[in-house]
Amino acid sequence: ARQVRGLCGTYNWDGRDEFTTPAGDVETGVAAFVNRYRASGDCPLLGPGPLEPCDAFAGRRELAEAACAVLHGPAFQ
């Protein structure tokens, strides 16, 4: 049987196992689940509260605004 597992979920229409970790455990929260998929110690741990990207990645606001401007451009209207 084919199995899908990862950050996109298990794709089996069973919401109880959507947060299956690489080790096969099932986390109960988003932050704990995402932290189990960290590929590098350079990536910050996700805390239990909502992520504030502009606070967590100081100096990246201009880059983010430029990238998002494309979504508001004529190609996506």
PDB file of N, CA and C in Angstrom:
ATOM      1  N   ALA A   1       0.833  -1.188   0.000  1.00  0.00           N
ATOM      2  CA  ALA A   1       0.000   0.000   0.000  1.00  0.00           C
ATOM      3  C   ALA A   1       0.875   1.247   0.000  1.00  0.00           C
ATOM      4  N   ARG A   2       0.508   2.219  -0.811  1.00  0.00           N
ATOM      5  CA  ARG A   2       1.249   3.476  -0.850  1.00  0.00           C
ATOM      6  C   ARG A   2       0.882   4.308   0.362  1.00  0.00           C
ATOM      7  N   GLN A   3       1.871   5.005   0.894  1.00  0.00           N
ATOM      8  CA  GLN A   3       1.622   5.860   2.048  1.00  0.00           C
ATOM      9  C   GLN A   3       2.201   7.238   1.793  1.00  0.00           C
ATOM     10  N   VAL A   4       1.458   8.243   2.167  1.00  0.00           N
ATOM     11  CA  VAL A   4       1.914   9.618   2.079  1.00  0.00           C
ATOM     12  C   VAL A   4       2.056  10.112   3.506  1.00  0.00           C
ATOM     13  N   ARG A   5       3.196  10.743   3.782  1.00  0.00           N
ATOM     14  CA  ARG A   5       3.396  11.260   5.132  1.00  0.00           C
ATOM     15  C   ARG A   5       4.342  12.438   5.035  1.00  0.00           C
ATOM     16  N   GLY A   6       4.126  13.442   5.842  1.00  0.00           N
ATOM     17  CA  GLY A   6       4.995  14.610   5.846  1.00  0.00           C
ATOM     18  C   GLY A   6       4.232  15.844   6.253  1.00  0.00           C
ATOM     19  N   LEU A   7       4.794  16.994   5.928  1.00  0.00           N
ATOM     20  CA  LEU A   7       4.161  18.243   6.317  1.00  0.00           C
ATOM     21  C   LEU A   7       2.796  18.437   5.669  1.00  0.00           C
ATOM     22  N   CYS A   8       2.537  17.750   4.577  1.00  0.00           N
ATOM     23  CA  CYS A   8       1.234  17.871   3.910  1.00  0.00           C
ATOM     24  C   CYS A   8       0.210  16.901   4.469  1.00  0.00           C
ATOM     25  N   GLY A   9       0.563  16.111   5.451  1.00  0.00           N
ATOM     26  CA  GLY A   9      -0.376  15.185   6.063  1.00  0.00           C
ATOM     27  C   GLY A   9      -0.271  13.792   5.480  1.00  0.00           C
ATOM     28  N   THR A  10      -1.237  12.962   5.822  1.00  0.00           N
ATOM     29  CA  THR A  10      -1.213  11.558   5.410  1.00  0.00           C
ATOM     30  C   THR A  10      -2.100  11.264   4.207  1.00  0.00           C
ATOM     31  N   TYR A  11      -2.960  12.196   3.864  1.00  0.00           N
ATOM     32  CA  TYR A  11      -3.823  12.076   2.685  1.00  0.00           C
ATOM     33  C   TYR A  11      -4.639  10.773   2.683  1.00  0.00           C
ATOM     34  N   ASN A  12      -5.194  10.463   3.852  1.00  0.00           N
ATOM     35  CA  ASN A  12      -6.021   9.262   3.946  1.00  0.00           C
ATOM     36  C   ASN A  12      -7.414   9.565   4.500  1.00  0.00           C
ATOM     37  N   TRP A  13      -7.762  10.825   4.554  1.00  0.00           N
ATOM     38  CA  TRP A  13      -9.063  11.305   5.014  1.00  0.00           C
ATOM     39  C   TRP A  13      -9.322  11.015   6.489  1.00  0.00           C
ATOM     40  N   ASP A  14      -8.275  10.717   7.250  1.00  0.00           N
ATOM     41  CA  ASP A  14      -8.400  10.490   8.691  1.00  0.00           C
ATOM     42  C   ASP A  14      -7.623  11.589   9.401  1.00  0.00           C
ATOM     43  N   GLY A  15      -8.335  12.557   9.938  1.00  0.00           N
ATOM     44  CA  GLY A  15      -7.701  13.708  10.573  1.00  0.00           C
ATOM     45  C   GLY A  15      -6.933  13.382  11.833  1.00  0.00           C
ATOM     46  N   ARG A  16      -7.133  12.203  12.399  1.00  0.00           N
ATOM     47  CA  ARG A  16      -6.452  11.858  13.649  1.00  0.00           C
ATOM     48  C   ARG A  16      -4.964  11.607  13.466  1.00  0.00           C
ATOM     49  N   ASP A  17      -4.515  11.335  12.261  1.00  0.00           N
ATOM     50  CA  ASP A  17      -3.094  11.039  12.065  1.00  0.00           C
ATOM     51  C   ASP A  17      -2.391  12.050  11.149  1.00  0.00           C
ATOM     52  N   GLU A  18      -2.980  13.218  10.973  1.00  0.00           N
ATOM     53  CA  GLU A  18      -2.386  14.224  10.092  1.00  0.00           C
ATOM     54  C   GLU A  18      -1.036  14.720  10.587  1.00  0.00           C
ATOM     55  N   PHE A  19      -0.802  14.701  11.878  1.00  0.00           N
ATOM     56  CA  PHE A  19       0.463  15.196  12.435  1.00  0.00           C
ATOM     57  C   PHE A  19       1.419  14.048  12.733  1.00  0.00           C
ATOM     58  N   THR A  20       1.506  13.069  11.847  1.00  0.00           N
ATOM     59  CA  THR A  20       2.442  11.963  12.019  1.00  0.00           C
ATOM     60  C   THR A  20       3.854  12.458  11.724  1.00  0.00           C
ATOM     61  N   THR A  21       4.759  12.228  12.668  1.00  0.00           N
ATOM     62  CA  THR A  21       6.139  12.706  12.564  1.00  0.00           C
ATOM     63  C   THR A  21       6.996  11.722  11.767  1.00  0.00           C
ATOM     64  N   PRO A  22       8.220  12.124  11.424  1.00  0.00           N
ATOM     65  CA  PRO A  22       9.103  11.198  10.708  1.00  0.00           C
ATOM     66  C   PRO A  22       9.358   9.905  11.487  1.00  0.00           C
ATOM     67  N   ALA A  23       9.279   9.979  12.818  1.00  0.00           N
ATOM     68  CA  ALA A  23       9.514   8.785  13.643  1.00  0.00           C
ATOM     69  C   ALA A  23       8.265   7.922  13.767  1.00  0.00           C
ATOM     70  N   GLY A  24       7.127   8.398  13.230  1.00  0.00           N
ATOM     71  CA  GLY A  24       5.891   7.632  13.292  1.00  0.00           C
ATOM     72  C   GLY A  24       4.997   7.975  14.465  1.00  0.00           C
ATOM     73  N   ASP A  25       5.429   8.933  15.305  1.00  0.00           N
ATOM     74  CA  ASP A  25       4.590   9.392  16.408  1.00  0.00           C
ATOM     75  C   ASP A  25       3.545  10.354  15.861  1.00  0.00           C
ATOM     76  N   VAL A  26       2.493  10.590  16.625  1.00  0.00           N
ATOM     77  CA  VAL A  26       1.480  11.563  16.230  1.00  0.00           C
ATOM     78  C   VAL A  26       1.489  12.689  17.249  1.00  0.00           C
ATOM     79  N   GLU A  27       1.839  13.884  16.804  1.00  0.00           N
ATOM     80  CA  GLU A  27       1.836  15.059  17.673  1.00  0.00           C
ATOM     81  C   GLU A  27       0.422  15.618  17.758  1.00  0.00           C
ATOM     82  N   THR A  28       0.150  16.348  18.831  1.00  0.00           N
ATOM     83  CA  THR A  28      -1.189  16.906  19.005  1.00  0.00           C
ATOM     84  C   THR A  28      -1.270  18.374  18.611  1.00  0.00           C
ATOM     85  N   GLY A  29      -0.126  19.049  18.462  1.00  0.00           N
ATOM     86  CA  GLY A  29      -0.141  20.460  18.122  1.00  0.00           C
ATOM     87  C   GLY A  29       0.706  20.766  16.906  1.00  0.00           C
ATOM     88  N   VAL A  30       0.385  21.863  16.251  1.00  0.00           N
ATOM     89  CA  VAL A  30       1.076  22.265  15.034  1.00  0.00           C
ATOM     90  C   VAL A  30       2.544  22.555  15.298  1.00  0.00           C
ATOM     91  N   ALA A  31       2.845  23.331  16.353  1.00  0.00           N
ATOM     92  CA  ALA A  31       4.231  23.723  16.618  1.00  0.00           C
ATOM     93  C   ALA A  31       5.107  22.499  16.871  1.00  0.00           C
ATOM     94  N   ALA A  32       4.655  21.574  17.702  1.00  0.00           N
ATOM     95  CA  ALA A  32       5.446  20.372  17.998  1.00  0.00           C
ATOM     96  C   ALA A  32       5.651  19.550  16.730  1.00  0.00           C
ATOM     97  N   PHE A  33       4.617  19.457  15.901  1.00  0.00           N
ATOM     98  CA  PHE A  33       4.711  18.699  14.652  1.00  0.00           C
ATOM     99  C   PHE A  33       5.734  19.308  13.702  1.00  0.00           C
ATOM    100  N   VAL A  34       5.649  20.612  13.480  1.00  0.00           N
ATOM    101  CA  VAL A  34       6.546  21.296  12.560  1.00  0.00           C
ATOM    102  C   VAL A  34       7.985  21.216  13.053  1.00  0.00           C
ATOM    103  N   ASN A  35       8.191  21.357  14.360  1.00  0.00           N
ATOM    104  CA  ASN A  35       9.544  21.299  14.907  1.00  0.00           C
ATOM    105  C   ASN A  35      10.197  19.939  14.685  1.00  0.00           C
ATOM    106  N   ARG A  36       9.413  18.885  14.585  1.00  0.00           N
ATOM    107  CA  ARG A  36       9.968  17.548  14.343  1.00  0.00           C
ATOM    108  C   ARG A  36      10.498  17.419  12.916  1.00  0.00           C
ATOM    109  N   TYR A  37      10.070  18.290  12.017  1.00  0.00           N
ATOM    110  CA  TYR A  37      10.525  18.257  10.626  1.00  0.00           C
ATOM    111  C   TYR A  37      11.656  19.241  10.348  1.00  0.00           C
ATOM    112  N   ARG A  38      12.170  19.917  11.365  1.00  0.00           N
ATOM    113  CA  ARG A  38      13.280  20.851  11.160  1.00  0.00           C
ATOM    114  C   ARG A  38      14.463  20.103  10.565  1.00  0.00           C
ATOM    115  N   ALA A  39      14.994  20.619   9.490  1.00  0.00           N
ATOM    116  CA  ALA A  39      16.102  19.957   8.805  1.00  0.00           C
ATOM    117  C   ALA A  39      17.451  20.476   9.271  1.00  0.00           C
ATOM    118  N   SER A  40      17.469  21.584   9.969  1.00  0.00           N
ATOM    119  CA  SER A  40      18.735  22.195  10.340  1.00  0.00           C
ATOM    120  C   SER A  40      18.591  22.927  11.664  1.00  0.00           C
ATOM    121  N   GLY A  41      19.653  22.906  12.443  1.00  0.00           N
ATOM    122  CA  GLY A  41      19.660  23.656  13.687  1.00  0.00           C
ATOM    123  C   GLY A  41      19.652  25.153  13.456  1.00  0.00           C
ATOM    124  N   ASP A  42      19.898  25.568  12.202  1.00  0.00           N
ATOM    125  CA  ASP A  42      19.860  26.986  11.871  1.00  0.00           C
ATOM    126  C   ASP A  42      18.439  27.525  11.867  1.00  0.00           C
ATOM    127  N   CYS A  43      17.469  26.652  11.690  1.00  0.00           N
ATOM    128  CA  CYS A  43      16.069  27.066  11.671  1.00  0.00           C
ATOM    129  C   CYS A  43      15.585  27.252  13.103  1.00  0.00           C
ATOM    130  N   PRO A  44      14.897  28.348  13.388  1.00  0.00           N
ATOM    131  CA  PRO A  44      14.407  28.564  14.755  1.00  0.00           C
ATOM    132  C   PRO A  44      13.277  27.594  15.089  1.00  0.00           C
ATOM    133  N   LEU A  45      13.202  27.203  16.359  1.00  0.00           N
ATOM    134  CA  LEU A  45      12.089  26.383  16.815  1.00  0.00           C
ATOM    135  C   LEU A  45      10.818  27.211  16.762  1.00  0.00           C
ATOM    136  N   LEU A  46       9.740  26.607  16.353  1.00  0.00           N
ATOM    137  CA  LEU A  46       8.451  27.283  16.336  1.00  0.00           C
ATOM    138  C   LEU A  46       7.869  27.211  17.731  1.00  0.00           C
ATOM    139  N   GLY A  47       7.471  28.345  18.276  1.00  0.00           N
ATOM    140  CA  GLY A  47       6.902  28.389  19.618  1.00  0.00           C
ATOM    141  C   GLY A  47       5.421  28.067  19.602  1.00  0.00           C
ATOM    142  N   PRO A  48       4.830  27.973  20.798  1.00  0.00           N
ATOM    143  CA  PRO A  48       3.411  27.609  20.873  1.00  0.00           C
ATOM    144  C   PRO A  48       2.468  28.707  20.389  1.00  0.00           C
ATOM    145  N   GLY A  49       2.926  29.965  20.377  1.00  0.00           N
ATOM    146  CA  GLY A  49       2.074  31.065  19.939  1.00  0.00           C
ATOM    147  C   GLY A  49       2.146  31.255  18.445  1.00  0.00           C
ATOM    148  N   PRO A  50       1.331  32.151  17.902  1.00  0.00           N
ATOM    149  CA  PRO A  50       1.380  32.417  16.463  1.00  0.00           C
ATOM    150  C   PRO A  50       2.726  33.014  16.064  1.00  0.00           C
ATOM    151  N   LEU A  51       3.230  32.603  14.923  1.00  0.00           N
ATOM    152  CA  LEU A  51       4.499  33.101  14.420  1.00  0.00           C
ATOM    153  C   LEU A  51       4.318  34.513  13.890  1.00  0.00           C
ATOM    154  N   GLU A  52       5.193  35.391  14.314  1.00  0.00           N
ATOM    155  CA  GLU A  52       5.219  36.761  13.805  1.00  0.00           C
ATOM    156  C   GLU A  52       6.436  36.870  12.899  1.00  0.00           C
ATOM    157  N   PRO A  53       6.269  36.609  11.592  1.00  0.00           N
ATOM    158  CA  PRO A  53       7.421  36.548  10.685  1.00  0.00           C
ATOM    159  C   PRO A  53       8.299  37.787  10.706  1.00  0.00           C
ATOM    160  N   CYS A  54       7.711  38.963  10.812  1.00  0.00           N
ATOM    161  CA  CYS A  54       8.517  40.181  10.773  1.00  0.00           C
ATOM    162  C   CYS A  54       9.362  40.320  12.033  1.00  0.00           C
ATOM    163  N   ASP A  55       8.905  39.752  13.149  1.00  0.00           N
ATOM    164  CA  ASP A  55       9.690  39.783  14.377  1.00  0.00           C
ATOM    165  C   ASP A  55      10.755  38.693  14.365  1.00  0.00           C
ATOM    166  N   ALA A  56      10.388  37.513  13.874  1.00  0.00           N
ATOM    167  CA  ALA A  56      11.302  36.367  13.887  1.00  0.00           C
ATOM    168  C   ALA A  56      12.428  36.518  12.869  1.00  0.00           C
ATOM    169  N   PHE A  57      12.168  37.215  11.777  1.00  0.00           N
ATOM    170  CA  PHE A  57      13.153  37.347  10.703  1.00  0.00           C
ATOM    171  C   PHE A  57      13.383  38.820  10.399  1.00  0.00           C
ATOM    172  N   ALA A  58      13.957  39.504  11.375  1.00  0.00           N
ATOM    173  CA  ALA A  58      14.189  40.942  11.248  1.00  0.00           C
ATOM    174  C   ALA A  58      14.985  41.238   9.976  1.00  0.00           C
ATOM    175  N   GLY A  59      14.608  42.299   9.294  1.00  0.00           N
ATOM    176  CA  GLY A  59      15.312  42.708   8.088  1.00  0.00           C
ATOM    177  C   GLY A  59      14.811  42.036   6.826  1.00  0.00           C
ATOM    178  N   ARG A  60      13.850  41.146   6.929  1.00  0.00           N
ATOM    179  CA  ARG A  60      13.355  40.434   5.759  1.00  0.00           C
ATOM    180  C   ARG A  60      12.031  41.011   5.241  1.00  0.00           C
ATOM    181  N   ARG A  61      11.507  42.022   5.922  1.00  0.00           N
ATOM    182  CA  ARG A  61      10.213  42.587   5.535  1.00  0.00           C
ATOM    183  C   ARG A  61      10.214  43.071   4.089  1.00  0.00           C
ATOM    184  N   GLU A  62      11.249  43.792   3.680  1.00  0.00           N
ATOM    185  CA  GLU A  62      11.295  44.333   2.321  1.00  0.00           C
ATOM    186  C   GLU A  62      11.290  43.217   1.277  1.00  0.00           C
ATOM    187  N   LEU A  63      12.047  42.166   1.536  1.00  0.00           N
ATOM    188  CA  LEU A  63      12.076  41.030   0.611  1.00  0.00           C
ATOM    189  C   LEU A  63      10.694  40.371   0.529  1.00  0.00           C
ATOM    190  N   ALA A  64      10.054  40.199   1.680  1.00  0.00           N
ATOM    191  CA  ALA A  64       8.727  39.582   1.709  1.00  0.00           C
ATOM    192  C   ALA A  64       7.701  40.448   0.983  1.00  0.00           C
ATOM    193  N   GLU A  65       7.758  41.757   1.192  1.00  0.00           N
ATOM    194  CA  GLU A  65       6.811  42.650   0.527  1.00  0.00           C
ATOM    195  C   GLU A  65       7.010  42.631  -0.985  1.00  0.00           C
ATOM    196  N   ALA A  66       8.256  42.562  -1.439  1.00  0.00           N
ATOM    197  CA  ALA A  66       8.528  42.510  -2.876  1.00  0.00           C
ATOM    198  C   ALA A  66       8.008  41.199  -3.469  1.00  0.00           C
ATOM    199  N   ALA A  67       8.212  40.091  -2.747  1.00  0.00           N
ATOM    200  CA  ALA A  67       7.743  38.795  -3.236  1.00  0.00           C
ATOM    201  C   ALA A  67       6.219  38.752  -3.276  1.00  0.00           C
ATOM    202  N   CYS A  68       5.572  39.299  -2.262  1.00  0.00           N
ATOM    203  CA  CYS A  68       4.107  39.291  -2.213  1.00  0.00           C
ATOM    204  C   CYS A  68       3.495  40.239  -3.237  1.00  0.00           C
ATOM    205  N   ALA A  69       4.232  41.268  -3.630  1.00  0.00           N
ATOM    206  CA  ALA A  69       3.718  42.210  -4.617  1.00  0.00           C
ATOM    207  C   ALA A  69       3.407  41.501  -5.932  1.00  0.00           C
ATOM    208  N   VAL A  70       4.135  40.451  -6.226  1.00  0.00           N
ATOM    209  CA  VAL A  70       3.877  39.686  -7.449  1.00  0.00           C
ATOM    210  C   VAL A  70       2.450  39.119  -7.425  1.00  0.00           C
ATOM    211  N   LEU A  71       2.005  38.684  -6.252  1.00  0.00           N
ATOM    212  CA  LEU A  71       0.647  38.104  -6.134  1.00  0.00           C
ATOM    213  C   LEU A  71      -0.447  39.142  -6.369  1.00  0.00           C
ATOM    214  N   HIS A  72      -0.113  40.394  -6.167  1.00  0.00           N
ATOM    215  CA  HIS A  72      -1.085  41.468  -6.386  1.00  0.00           C
ATOM    216  C   HIS A  72      -0.967  42.058  -7.785  1.00  0.00           C
ATOM    217  N   GLY A  73      -0.059  41.537  -8.573  1.00  0.00           N
ATOM    218  CA  GLY A  73       0.166  42.035  -9.921  1.00  0.00           C
ATOM    219  C   GLY A  73      -0.828  41.497 -10.935  1.00  0.00           C
ATOM    220  N   PRO A  74      -0.715  41.922 -12.176  1.00  0.00           N
ATOM    221  CA  PRO A  74      -1.672  41.565 -13.227  1.00  0.00           C
ATOM    222  C   PRO A  74      -1.734  40.066 -13.519  1.00  0.00           C
ATOM    223  N   ALA A  75      -0.670  39.342 -13.277  1.00  0.00           N
ATOM    224  CA  ALA A  75      -0.666  37.906 -13.591  1.00  0.00           C
ATOM    225  C   ALA A  75      -1.671  37.130 -12.747  1.00  0.00           C
ATOM    226  N   PHE A  76      -2.017  37.662 -11.580  1.00  0.00           N
ATOM    227  CA  PHE A  76      -2.931  36.946 -10.678  1.00  0.00           C
ATOM    228  C   PHE A  76      -4.280  37.635 -10.531  1.00  0.00           C
ATOM    229  N   GLN A  77      -4.599  38.508 -11.476  1.00  0.00           N
ATOM    230  CA  GLN A  77      -5.905  39.186 -11.368  1.00  0.00           C
ATOM    231  C   GLN A  77      -6.903  38.607 -12.338  1.00  0.00           C
TER     232      GLN A  77
END
